[in-house]
Amino acid sequence: MKFIFSILYIFINYTINTLAITLKGNESSSYHLTTNDKNLFNYDKIKNLIVFGDSLTAYLTNYEDMTYRKKNLGGGDPWSVYLSNMKKMKLWDFADNGAAIDKTM
């Protein structure tokens, strides 16, 4: 019986991983658009951009004075810097390379 559960477990994991690899992000995600004018997203009203994340977001922040180095570990600016510069927002970048989060945090 334990052997059957092991085979079933392997099959389910293989199937899920195969689907996750073959589907594009927009095919495996959902999004909701609104046509109600009062609920439209307005970047111009946002004054502060607070971000958390890993190396895709990290900008090598000095947390003592909240200054940033010129480049991230990949050699360029992360998305958060492009967005904050483009929309004139104050960036509060709390991302850190290798950061992870789980349900026990």
C-alpha atoms as a PDB file:
ATOM      1  CA  MET A   1       0.000   0.000   0.000  1.00  0.00           C
ATOM      2  CA  LYS A   2       2.881   2.349   0.829  1.00  0.00           C
ATOM      3  CA  PHE A   3       4.345   1.670  -2.619  1.00  0.00           C
ATOM      4  CA  ILE A   4       1.070   2.689  -4.317  1.00  0.00           C
ATOM      5  CA  PHE A   5       0.961   5.974  -2.374  1.00  0.00           C
ATOM      6  CA  SER A   6       4.580   6.645  -3.305  1.00  0.00           C
ATOM      7  CA  ILE A   7       3.851   6.116  -7.001  1.00  0.00           C
ATOM      8  CA  LEU A   8       0.718   8.276  -6.775  1.00  0.00           C
ATOM      9  CA  TYR A   9       2.673  11.019  -4.992  1.00  0.00           C
ATOM     10  CA  ILE A  10       5.393  10.995  -7.671  1.00  0.00           C
ATOM     11  CA  PHE A  11       2.788  11.099 -10.456  1.00  0.00           C
ATOM     12  CA  ILE A  12       0.930  14.054  -8.909  1.00  0.00           C
ATOM     13  CA  ASN A  13       4.150  16.016  -8.331  1.00  0.00           C
ATOM     14  CA  TYR A  14       5.347  15.320 -11.863  1.00  0.00           C
ATOM     15  CA  THR A  15       2.010  16.441 -13.317  1.00  0.00           C
ATOM     16  CA  ILE A  16       1.919  19.661 -11.283  1.00  0.00           C
ATOM     17  CA  ASN A  17       5.536  20.527 -12.094  1.00  0.00           C
ATOM     18  CA  THR A  18       5.021  19.805 -15.792  1.00  0.00           C
ATOM     19  CA  LEU A  19       1.982  22.094 -15.911  1.00  0.00           C
ATOM     20  CA  ALA A  20       3.802  24.825 -14.006  1.00  0.00           C
ATOM     21  CA  ILE A  21       6.680  24.746 -16.491  1.00  0.00           C
ATOM     22  CA  THR A  22       4.589  24.633 -19.664  1.00  0.00           C
ATOM     23  CA  LEU A  23       2.004  27.298 -18.807  1.00  0.00           C
ATOM     24  CA  LYS A  24       2.744  30.965 -19.353  1.00  0.00           C
ATOM     25  CA  GLY A  25       2.273  33.269 -16.389  1.00  0.00           C
ATOM     26  CA  ASN A  26      -0.883  34.815 -17.827  1.00  0.00           C
ATOM     27  CA  GLU A  27      -2.386  31.346 -18.352  1.00  0.00           C
ATOM     28  CA  SER A  28      -1.841  30.247 -14.764  1.00  0.00           C
ATOM     29  CA  SER A  29      -2.718  33.556 -13.086  1.00  0.00           C
ATOM     30  CA  SER A  30      -5.913  35.499 -12.760  1.00  0.00           C
ATOM     31  CA  TYR A  31      -6.451  39.219 -12.903  1.00  0.00           C
ATOM     32  CA  HIS A  32      -9.433  41.514 -12.611  1.00  0.00           C
ATOM     33  CA  LEU A  33      -9.858  44.687 -14.588  1.00  0.00           C
ATOM     34  CA  THR A  34     -12.325  47.388 -13.668  1.00  0.00           C
ATOM     35  CA  THR A  35     -14.179  49.814 -15.879  1.00  0.00           C
ATOM     36  CA  ASN A  36     -15.421  51.842 -12.926  1.00  0.00           C
ATOM     37  CA  ASP A  37     -13.626  55.222 -13.186  1.00  0.00           C
ATOM     38  CA  LYS A  38     -13.468  55.816  -9.426  1.00  0.00           C
ATOM     39  CA  ASN A  39     -11.590  52.519  -8.888  1.00  0.00           C
ATOM     40  CA  LEU A  40      -8.983  52.913 -11.624  1.00  0.00           C
ATOM     41  CA  PHE A  41      -5.389  52.578 -10.439  1.00  0.00           C
ATOM     42  CA  ASN A  42      -3.719  55.984 -10.382  1.00  0.00           C
ATOM     43  CA  TYR A  43       0.080  56.054 -10.106  1.00  0.00           C
ATOM     44  CA  ASP A  44       0.082  59.848  -9.761  1.00  0.00           C
ATOM     45  CA  LYS A  45      -1.618  59.638  -6.356  1.00  0.00           C
ATOM     46  CA  ILE A  46       1.096  57.345  -4.956  1.00  0.00           C
ATOM     47  CA  LYS A  47       3.857  59.286  -3.205  1.00  0.00           C
ATOM     48  CA  ASN A  48       5.754  56.415  -1.519  1.00  0.00           C
ATOM     49  CA  LEU A  49       6.697  53.036  -2.996  1.00  0.00           C
ATOM     50  CA  ILE A  50       7.413  50.464  -0.272  1.00  0.00           C
ATOM     51  CA  VAL A  51       8.837  47.206  -1.601  1.00  0.00           C
ATOM     52  CA  PHE A  52       9.874  43.868  -0.098  1.00  0.00           C
ATOM     53  CA  GLY A  53      11.407  40.999  -2.025  1.00  0.00           C
ATOM     54  CA  ASP A  54      14.545  39.180  -3.085  1.00  0.00           C
ATOM     55  CA  SER A  55      17.372  39.970  -5.517  1.00  0.00           C
ATOM     56  CA  LEU A  56      14.924  40.898  -8.288  1.00  0.00           C
ATOM     57  CA  THR A  57      13.828  43.851  -6.155  1.00  0.00           C
ATOM     58  CA  ALA A  58      16.868  44.525  -3.945  1.00  0.00           C
ATOM     59  CA  TYR A  59      18.872  47.689  -4.533  1.00  0.00           C
ATOM     60  CA  LEU A  60      21.581  47.083  -1.901  1.00  0.00           C
ATOM     61  CA  THR A  61      20.011  49.369   0.677  1.00  0.00           C
ATOM     62  CA  ASN A  62      21.933  50.788   3.630  1.00  0.00           C
ATOM     63  CA  TYR A  63      19.220  50.466   6.296  1.00  0.00           C
ATOM     64  CA  GLU A  64      20.861  52.982   8.656  1.00  0.00           C
ATOM     65  CA  ASP A  65      20.275  55.973   6.373  1.00  0.00           C
ATOM     66  CA  MET A  66      18.119  54.370   3.613  1.00  0.00           C
ATOM     67  CA  THR A  67      20.613  55.250   0.859  1.00  0.00           C
ATOM     68  CA  TYR A  68      21.052  53.022  -2.186  1.00  0.00           C
ATOM     69  CA  ARG A  69      24.054  51.909  -4.175  1.00  0.00           C
ATOM     70  CA  LYS A  70      24.013  52.690  -7.874  1.00  0.00           C
ATOM     71  CA  LYS A  71      23.457  49.111  -9.107  1.00  0.00           C
ATOM     72  CA  ASN A  72      22.030  45.848  -7.818  1.00  0.00           C
ATOM     73  CA  LEU A  73      23.951  42.561  -7.871  1.00  0.00           C
ATOM     74  CA  GLY A  74      22.800  41.930 -11.458  1.00  0.00           C
ATOM     75  CA  GLY A  75      24.525  45.128 -12.578  1.00  0.00           C
ATOM     76  CA  GLY A  76      21.417  47.191 -13.281  1.00  0.00           C
ATOM     77  CA  ASP A  77      18.460  48.857 -11.684  1.00  0.00           C
ATOM     78  CA  PRO A  78      15.640  46.693 -10.302  1.00  0.00           C
ATOM     79  CA  TRP A  79      12.020  47.261 -11.367  1.00  0.00           C
ATOM     80  CA  SER A  80      11.300  49.245  -8.205  1.00  0.00           C
ATOM     81  CA  VAL A  81      13.861  51.913  -9.116  1.00  0.00           C
ATOM     82  CA  TYR A  82      12.532  52.259 -12.666  1.00  0.00           C
ATOM     83  CA  LEU A  83       8.970  52.656 -11.364  1.00  0.00           C
ATOM     84  CA  SER A  84       9.877  55.121  -8.605  1.00  0.00           C
ATOM     85  CA  ASN A  85      11.925  57.247 -11.030  1.00  0.00           C
ATOM     86  CA  MET A  86       9.311  57.123 -13.770  1.00  0.00           C
ATOM     87  CA  LYS A  87       6.443  58.144 -11.476  1.00  0.00           C
ATOM     88  CA  LYS A  88       8.422  60.399  -9.095  1.00  0.00           C
ATOM     89  CA  MET A  89       7.780  58.273  -5.988  1.00  0.00           C
ATOM     90  CA  LYS A  90       9.910  58.056  -2.850  1.00  0.00           C
ATOM     91  CA  LEU A  91      11.353  54.528  -2.747  1.00  0.00           C
ATOM     92  CA  TRP A  92      11.502  52.547   0.506  1.00  0.00           C
ATOM     93  CA  ASP A  93      13.294  49.370  -0.599  1.00  0.00           C
ATOM     94  CA  PHE A  94      13.395  46.698   2.125  1.00  0.00           C
ATOM     95  CA  ALA A  95      14.243  43.887  -0.300  1.00  0.00           C
ATOM     96  CA  ASP A  96      17.332  41.791   0.338  1.00  0.00           C
ATOM     97  CA  ASN A  97      19.235  39.325  -1.827  1.00  0.00           C
ATOM     98  CA  GLY A  98      18.228  35.753  -1.057  1.00  0.00           C
ATOM     99  CA  ALA A  99      15.235  36.832   1.009  1.00  0.00           C
ATOM    100  CA  ALA A 100      12.556  34.226   1.602  1.00  0.00           C
ATOM    101  CA  ILE A 101       9.278  34.138   3.452  1.00  0.00           C
ATOM    102  CA  ASP A 102       7.136  31.300   4.668  1.00  0.00           C
ATOM    103  CA  LYS A 103       3.928  30.879   6.627  1.00  0.00           C
ATOM    104  CA  THR A 104       5.745  30.618   9.970  1.00  0.00           C
ATOM    105  CA  MET A 105       7.020  34.181   9.708  1.00  0.00           C
END
